[in-house]
Amino acid sequence: MSESMRIWVEVIFNVTYLIVIWTLVVMMARRQTRVLPADRPVAKRLTWAFALLALGDTGHVGFRVVAYALGGLEANPALVGLGALSTAYTVTLFYMLLVDIWRLRFHKSLGIAGWTLLGAGAVRLIIMAFPANHWEQIVPPYNWSLLRNALLVVQGVGVLILILRDAFRTGDATFKWIGAMIAVSFAFYTPVILWSAQIPMLALFMDKASAPPQQVAAAA
């Protein structure tokens, strides 16, 4: 595939993805009144969670589209970095919100596990504010990327375990599926972060095969 064709494929994919995710957010918001009153607090938070993902990815993939239009990624590193920063913050808040969703759905107190996961998110937010992250670069420092991603894995896997544990205990089919989808996302995410530097084709799991492995890890 030629470079120009690869760019067009990425641009079309990115735009299509943003249309789909924002359509889902709007549909979820409009259907809030159909949810039983007892379930509305959870439904509202799920809508906010999807909105966070959509907002962050609008920066992440949307700014890449803008960067291509302005001359390419290499010519607009600050724009690409700003997009990566936006999705890094929103996905952190997304997993923190999932902890609260788990608490409400299964009528739990946060406890040690919940507070630990919220703490991991708070630490990640602080770490991402350090200038040493060099968000203005297309390929920021790899060690800082791994540190950020390690905390994200703690958040994601932690809330995944809590959700699946209680969903199976209570027979909650909806949250069994939510837990399964989180597990699938990490099944794709983890090999890319850990081994894409050695096996670049693994980056296909995150639709980033055209990017350097360091840039793939930095995206989160």
Foldseek 3Di string as FASTA:
>chain_A
DDPVVLLVVLLVVLVVVLVVLVVVLVVLVVCLVVDDPLCSVLSVLVSVLSVLQSFLSCQQSVLQNVQVVVPHCVVQLQSNLRSLLSNLLSLLVSLLSLLVSLCSVLVHDCPPLNVVLNVLSVVLVVLSPDCQQVSSGLQGDLVSLVVSVVSSCSSLVSSLVSQCVRCVVVVPPVSVVVSVVSVLLCVLVVCLSPPCQPVVVSLVSVPQSVPHSSSSSSSD
